[in-house]
Amino acid sequence: MGGDTVRKRGVCIICGIDFEYYESNRATGKYCSLKCAHKSPERIEKIRIANTGKKASEQARRNMSLAHIGKNIGPESHSWKGDNIKYQSLHAWVRANFDKPGKCEKCGTKKGKAYEWANKSGKYKRRRSDWFWLCKKCHHKYDGVGEKASKTFLDRKDKGEYELRAGDSGRLRWFKKKKI
């Protein structure tokens, strides 16, 4: 360096290390190294602005995706709610985190058209032991789907609220009676 340059001391604002630098047009005295300078908020903001509106290549997108695998999921995620979770979100979590057995755990069929996770205890825990993998038919039986509706319909039919008549297809169907 020339005779007119002066050595100064500084503290890196990224890592906090004391360092010496030569006063020049380029040196700012803020960072101990290029590695820290590249981590600076000013540089990151400049790069963000420069890249705004640009589309990343397929390879770059694939690399970014691979770099984030396994990060910020589960309890490490900023949006993790633990056991304070809603019904739909818990079912989505169960579908994503439990392996699907090849058959219904109640009837053993492998030929069901649709399979669903059913909760055993009603407490909706995040444990595999608290869930069944059931075909849709067994799940409906397990939950009692249709029983209440059928009972209500039969009660109303007996009261004369429904009548049997031909529908659009010509088949006989139950229709609610029109009030006069």
C-alpha atoms as a PDB file:
ATOM      1  CA  MET A   1       0.000   0.000   0.000  1.00  0.00           C
ATOM      2  CA  GLY A   2       1.039   3.586  -0.494  1.00  0.00           C
ATOM      3  CA  GLY A   3       2.498   5.791   2.236  1.00  0.00           C
ATOM      4  CA  ASP A   4      -0.647   7.905   2.520  1.00  0.00           C
ATOM      5  CA  THR A   5      -2.935   5.012   3.589  1.00  0.00           C
ATOM      6  CA  VAL A   6      -3.773   4.699   7.249  1.00  0.00           C
ATOM      7  CA  ARG A   7      -4.523   1.500   9.139  1.00  0.00           C
ATOM      8  CA  LYS A   8      -7.675   1.630  11.211  1.00  0.00           C
ATOM      9  CA  ARG A   9      -9.409  -0.705  13.608  1.00  0.00           C
ATOM     10  CA  GLY A  10     -13.021  -1.831  13.289  1.00  0.00           C
ATOM     11  CA  VAL A  11     -15.536  -4.347  14.605  1.00  0.00           C
ATOM     12  CA  CYS A  12     -17.340  -6.525  12.046  1.00  0.00           C
ATOM     13  CA  ILE A  13     -21.100  -5.878  12.214  1.00  0.00           C
ATOM     14  CA  ILE A  14     -21.841  -9.452  11.079  1.00  0.00           C
ATOM     15  CA  CYS A  15     -19.594 -11.611  13.281  1.00  0.00           C
ATOM     16  CA  GLY A  16     -18.326  -9.088  15.889  1.00  0.00           C
ATOM     17  CA  ILE A  17     -14.598  -9.760  15.322  1.00  0.00           C
ATOM     18  CA  ASP A  18     -12.075  -6.897  15.826  1.00  0.00           C
ATOM     19  CA  PHE A  19     -10.047  -6.311  12.660  1.00  0.00           C
ATOM     20  CA  GLU A  20      -7.687  -3.850  11.011  1.00  0.00           C
ATOM     21  CA  TYR A  21      -8.231  -2.325   7.615  1.00  0.00           C
ATOM     22  CA  TYR A  22      -6.592   0.235   5.366  1.00  0.00           C
ATOM     23  CA  GLU A  23      -8.563   3.373   4.792  1.00  0.00           C
ATOM     24  CA  SER A  24      -9.259   3.629   1.065  1.00  0.00           C
ATOM     25  CA  ASN A  25     -12.104   4.411  -1.289  1.00  0.00           C
ATOM     26  CA  ARG A  26     -13.390   0.824  -1.172  1.00  0.00           C
ATOM     27  CA  ALA A  27     -12.947  -0.090   2.497  1.00  0.00           C
ATOM     28  CA  THR A  28     -15.869   0.761   4.753  1.00  0.00           C
ATOM     29  CA  GLY A  29     -14.608  -0.642   8.035  1.00  0.00           C
ATOM     30  CA  LYS A  30     -17.881  -2.533   8.553  1.00  0.00           C
ATOM     31  CA  TYR A  31     -16.839  -6.096   7.652  1.00  0.00           C
ATOM     32  CA  CYS A  32     -13.811  -8.220   8.519  1.00  0.00           C
ATOM     33  CA  SER A  33     -13.935 -10.243   5.281  1.00  0.00           C
ATOM     34  CA  LEU A  34     -15.709 -10.663   1.967  1.00  0.00           C
ATOM     35  CA  LYS A  35     -17.598 -13.590   3.493  1.00  0.00           C
ATOM     36  CA  CYS A  36     -19.157 -11.255   6.089  1.00  0.00           C
ATOM     37  CA  ALA A  37     -19.685  -8.492   3.530  1.00  0.00           C
ATOM     38  CA  HIS A  38     -21.673 -10.936   1.378  1.00  0.00           C
ATOM     39  CA  LYS A  39     -23.923 -11.679   4.365  1.00  0.00           C
ATOM     40  CA  SER A  40     -24.670  -7.989   4.944  1.00  0.00           C
ATOM     41  CA  PRO A  41     -28.294  -6.817   4.846  1.00  0.00           C
ATOM     42  CA  GLU A  42     -27.395  -4.118   2.285  1.00  0.00           C
ATOM     43  CA  ARG A  43     -25.941  -6.671  -0.149  1.00  0.00           C
ATOM     44  CA  ILE A  44     -28.825  -9.094   0.330  1.00  0.00           C
ATOM     45  CA  GLU A  45     -31.307  -6.270  -0.353  1.00  0.00           C
ATOM     46  CA  LYS A  46     -29.409  -5.197  -3.502  1.00  0.00           C
ATOM     47  CA  ILE A  47     -29.470  -8.779  -4.817  1.00  0.00           C
ATOM     48  CA  ARG A  48     -33.186  -9.116  -3.978  1.00  0.00           C
ATOM     49  CA  ILE A  49     -33.984  -5.935  -5.902  1.00  0.00           C
ATOM     50  CA  ALA A  50     -31.781  -6.994  -8.843  1.00  0.00           C
ATOM     51  CA  ASN A  51     -33.520 -10.387  -9.038  1.00  0.00           C
ATOM     52  CA  THR A  52     -37.076  -9.084  -8.681  1.00  0.00           C
ATOM     53  CA  GLY A  53     -39.106 -10.085 -11.727  1.00  0.00           C
ATOM     54  CA  LYS A  54     -36.505 -12.522 -13.039  1.00  0.00           C
ATOM     55  CA  LYS A  55     -37.485 -16.143 -13.523  1.00  0.00           C
ATOM     56  CA  ALA A  56     -35.097 -18.760 -12.175  1.00  0.00           C
ATOM     57  CA  SER A  57     -34.040 -21.572 -14.494  1.00  0.00           C
ATOM     58  CA  GLU A  58     -35.412 -25.091 -13.972  1.00  0.00           C
ATOM     59  CA  GLN A  59     -32.039 -26.227 -12.587  1.00  0.00           C
ATOM     60  CA  ALA A  60     -31.853 -23.262 -10.187  1.00  0.00           C
ATOM     61  CA  ARG A  61     -35.409 -23.923  -8.992  1.00  0.00           C
ATOM     62  CA  ARG A  62     -34.595 -27.613  -8.475  1.00  0.00           C
ATOM     63  CA  ASN A  63     -31.442 -26.689  -6.491  1.00  0.00           C
ATOM     64  CA  MET A  64     -33.385 -24.222  -4.305  1.00  0.00           C
ATOM     65  CA  SER A  65     -36.039 -26.859  -3.669  1.00  0.00           C
ATOM     66  CA  LEU A  66     -33.453 -29.474  -2.692  1.00  0.00           C
ATOM     67  CA  ALA A  67     -31.726 -26.986  -0.375  1.00  0.00           C
ATOM     68  CA  HIS A  68     -34.946 -26.587   1.640  1.00  0.00           C
ATOM     69  CA  ILE A  69     -35.814 -30.279   2.050  1.00  0.00           C
ATOM     70  CA  GLY A  70     -36.229 -31.113   5.707  1.00  0.00           C
ATOM     71  CA  LYS A  71     -35.973 -27.495   6.882  1.00  0.00           C
ATOM     72  CA  ASN A  72     -38.757 -25.600   8.628  1.00  0.00           C
ATOM     73  CA  ILE A  73     -41.089 -28.562   8.890  1.00  0.00           C
ATOM     74  CA  GLY A  74     -42.783 -29.938  11.960  1.00  0.00           C
ATOM     75  CA  PRO A  75     -41.932 -28.278  15.290  1.00  0.00           C
ATOM     76  CA  GLU A  76     -39.131 -26.220  13.659  1.00  0.00           C
ATOM     77  CA  SER A  77     -41.642 -24.412  11.439  1.00  0.00           C
ATOM     78  CA  HIS A  78     -42.684 -20.870  12.370  1.00  0.00           C
ATOM     79  CA  SER A  79     -46.314 -21.844  11.775  1.00  0.00           C
ATOM     80  CA  TRP A  80     -46.280 -25.055  13.882  1.00  0.00           C
ATOM     81  CA  LYS A  81     -49.286 -25.113  16.213  1.00  0.00           C
ATOM     82  CA  GLY A  82     -48.572 -28.332  18.086  1.00  0.00           C
ATOM     83  CA  ASP A  83     -51.765 -29.859  19.469  1.00  0.00           C
ATOM     84  CA  ASN A  84     -53.732 -26.616  19.017  1.00  0.00           C
ATOM     85  CA  ILE A  85     -54.712 -27.555  15.469  1.00  0.00           C
ATOM     86  CA  LYS A  86     -57.984 -27.636  13.563  1.00  0.00           C
ATOM     87  CA  TYR A  87     -59.677 -30.797  12.244  1.00  0.00           C
ATOM     88  CA  GLN A  88     -58.858 -30.340   8.538  1.00  0.00           C
ATOM     89  CA  SER A  89     -55.236 -29.368   9.198  1.00  0.00           C
ATOM     90  CA  LEU A  90     -54.680 -32.394  11.414  1.00  0.00           C
ATOM     91  CA  HIS A  91     -56.110 -34.719   8.762  1.00  0.00           C
ATOM     92  CA  ALA A  92     -53.804 -33.128   6.172  1.00  0.00           C
ATOM     93  CA  TRP A  93     -50.855 -33.666   8.548  1.00  0.00           C
ATOM     94  CA  VAL A  94     -51.864 -37.310   9.091  1.00  0.00           C
ATOM     95  CA  ARG A  95     -52.148 -37.929   5.325  1.00  0.00           C
ATOM     96  CA  ALA A  96     -48.692 -36.413   4.779  1.00  0.00           C
ATOM     97  CA  ASN A  97     -46.880 -38.124   7.656  1.00  0.00           C
ATOM     98  CA  PHE A  98     -48.279 -41.642   7.986  1.00  0.00           C
ATOM     99  CA  ASP A  99     -47.507 -44.406   5.512  1.00  0.00           C
ATOM    100  CA  LYS A 100     -50.573 -45.877   3.826  1.00  0.00           C
ATOM    101  CA  PRO A 101     -51.054 -49.578   4.518  1.00  0.00           C
ATOM    102  CA  GLY A 102     -52.018 -51.615   1.487  1.00  0.00           C
ATOM    103  CA  LYS A 103     -55.397 -52.696   2.878  1.00  0.00           C
ATOM    104  CA  CYS A 104     -58.279 -51.648   5.109  1.00  0.00           C
ATOM    105  CA  GLU A 105     -57.365 -52.267   8.755  1.00  0.00           C
ATOM    106  CA  LYS A 106     -60.942 -53.299   9.608  1.00  0.00           C
ATOM    107  CA  CYS A 107     -62.176 -55.583   6.796  1.00  0.00           C
ATOM    108  CA  GLY A 108     -58.821 -56.307   5.107  1.00  0.00           C
ATOM    109  CA  THR A 109     -59.950 -55.421   1.569  1.00  0.00           C
ATOM    110  CA  LYS A 110     -57.409 -54.249  -0.970  1.00  0.00           C
ATOM    111  CA  LYS A 111     -60.045 -53.473  -3.596  1.00  0.00           C
ATOM    112  CA  GLY A 112     -61.682 -50.414  -2.015  1.00  0.00           C
ATOM    113  CA  LYS A 113     -62.062 -47.412  -4.323  1.00  0.00           C
ATOM    114  CA  ALA A 114     -61.103 -44.926  -1.609  1.00  0.00           C
ATOM    115  CA  TYR A 115     -59.287 -45.166   1.709  1.00  0.00           C
ATOM    116  CA  GLU A 116     -59.275 -42.657   4.573  1.00  0.00           C
ATOM    117  CA  TRP A 117     -57.635 -42.112   7.938  1.00  0.00           C
ATOM    118  CA  ALA A 118     -60.107 -42.508  10.825  1.00  0.00           C
ATOM    119  CA  ASN A 119     -59.408 -41.426  14.391  1.00  0.00           C
ATOM    120  CA  LYS A 120     -59.777 -44.125  17.077  1.00  0.00           C
ATOM    121  CA  SER A 121     -59.942 -42.181  20.338  1.00  0.00           C
ATOM    122  CA  GLY A 122     -61.655 -38.944  19.365  1.00  0.00           C
ATOM    123  CA  LYS A 123     -58.706 -37.064  20.927  1.00  0.00           C
ATOM    124  CA  TYR A 124     -56.969 -36.569  17.550  1.00  0.00           C
ATOM    125  CA  LYS A 125     -53.390 -37.199  18.656  1.00  0.00           C
ATOM    126  CA  ARG A 126     -50.412 -37.097  16.299  1.00  0.00           C
ATOM    127  CA  ARG A 127     -49.642 -40.768  16.960  1.00  0.00           C
ATOM    128  CA  ARG A 128     -50.052 -43.560  14.426  1.00  0.00           C
ATOM    129  CA  SER A 129     -51.600 -45.747  17.132  1.00  0.00           C
ATOM    130  CA  ASP A 130     -54.517 -43.262  17.353  1.00  0.00           C
ATOM    131  CA  TRP A 131     -55.523 -43.754  13.686  1.00  0.00           C
ATOM    132  CA  PHE A 132     -57.056 -46.461  11.455  1.00  0.00           C
ATOM    133  CA  TRP A 133     -56.532 -46.813   7.690  1.00  0.00           C
ATOM    134  CA  LEU A 134     -60.038 -47.731   6.513  1.00  0.00           C
ATOM    135  CA  CYS A 135     -61.849 -48.191   3.228  1.00  0.00           C
ATOM    136  CA  LYS A 136     -64.587 -45.606   2.817  1.00  0.00           C
ATOM    137  CA  LYS A 137     -67.324 -48.166   3.549  1.00  0.00           C
ATOM    138  CA  CYS A 138     -65.762 -49.182   6.889  1.00  0.00           C
ATOM    139  CA  HIS A 139     -65.029 -45.546   7.772  1.00  0.00           C
ATOM    140  CA  HIS A 140     -68.686 -44.624   7.271  1.00  0.00           C
ATOM    141  CA  LYS A 141     -69.797 -47.591   9.389  1.00  0.00           C
ATOM    142  CA  TYR A 142     -67.238 -46.711  12.081  1.00  0.00           C
ATOM    143  CA  ASP A 143     -68.363 -43.056  12.223  1.00  0.00           C
ATOM    144  CA  GLY A 144     -72.068 -43.942  11.918  1.00  0.00           C
ATOM    145  CA  VAL A 145     -72.475 -41.821   8.780  1.00  0.00           C
ATOM    146  CA  GLY A 146     -75.987 -42.086   7.372  1.00  0.00           C
ATOM    147  CA  GLU A 147     -77.532 -43.683  10.471  1.00  0.00           C
ATOM    148  CA  LYS A 148     -78.833 -40.411  11.881  1.00  0.00           C
ATOM    149  CA  ALA A 149     -79.947 -39.170   8.463  1.00  0.00           C
ATOM    150  CA  SER A 150     -81.745 -42.452   7.738  1.00  0.00           C
ATOM    151  CA  LYS A 151     -83.479 -42.444  11.117  1.00  0.00           C
ATOM    152  CA  THR A 152     -84.571 -38.822  10.642  1.00  0.00           C
ATOM    153  CA  PHE A 153     -85.847 -39.564   7.133  1.00  0.00           C
ATOM    154  CA  LEU A 154     -87.828 -42.610   8.295  1.00  0.00           C
ATOM    155  CA  ASP A 155     -89.392 -40.597  11.136  1.00  0.00           C
ATOM    156  CA  ARG A 156     -90.424 -37.822   8.740  1.00  0.00           C
ATOM    157  CA  LYS A 157     -91.706 -40.331   6.167  1.00  0.00           C
ATOM    158  CA  ASP A 158     -93.898 -41.921   8.837  1.00  0.00           C
ATOM    159  CA  LYS A 159     -95.284 -38.470   9.653  1.00  0.00           C
ATOM    160  CA  GLY A 160     -96.286 -38.052   5.994  1.00  0.00           C
ATOM    161  CA  GLU A 161     -93.723 -35.373   5.090  1.00  0.00           C
ATOM    162  CA  TYR A 162     -92.455 -37.399   2.093  1.00  0.00           C
ATOM    163  CA  GLU A 163     -94.240 -39.090  -0.802  1.00  0.00           C
ATOM    164  CA  LEU A 164     -93.138 -41.719  -3.299  1.00  0.00           C
ATOM    165  CA  ARG A 165     -93.353 -40.603  -6.947  1.00  0.00           C
ATOM    166  CA  ALA A 166     -91.545 -40.948 -10.286  1.00  0.00           C
ATOM    167  CA  GLY A 167     -88.493 -38.740 -10.753  1.00  0.00           C
ATOM    168  CA  ASP A 168     -87.081 -37.299 -14.000  1.00  0.00           C
ATOM    169  CA  SER A 169     -85.568 -40.651 -14.923  1.00  0.00           C
ATOM    170  CA  GLY A 170     -88.882 -42.435 -14.376  1.00  0.00           C
ATOM    171  CA  ARG A 171     -87.615 -44.264 -11.278  1.00  0.00           C
ATOM    172  CA  LEU A 172     -89.624 -44.106  -8.098  1.00  0.00           C
ATOM    173  CA  ARG A 173     -88.052 -41.796  -5.502  1.00  0.00           C
ATOM    174  CA  TRP A 174     -88.996 -40.160  -2.230  1.00  0.00           C
ATOM    175  CA  PHE A 175     -89.800 -36.448  -2.512  1.00  0.00           C
ATOM    176  CA  LYS A 176     -90.683 -33.939   0.164  1.00  0.00           C
ATOM    177  CA  LYS A 177     -94.375 -33.106  -0.018  1.00  0.00           C
ATOM    178  CA  LYS A 178     -95.182 -29.608  -1.209  1.00  0.00           C
ATOM    179  CA  LYS A 179     -97.042 -27.516   1.319  1.00  0.00           C
ATOM    180  CA  ILE A 180    -100.300 -26.101   0.013  1.00  0.00           C
END
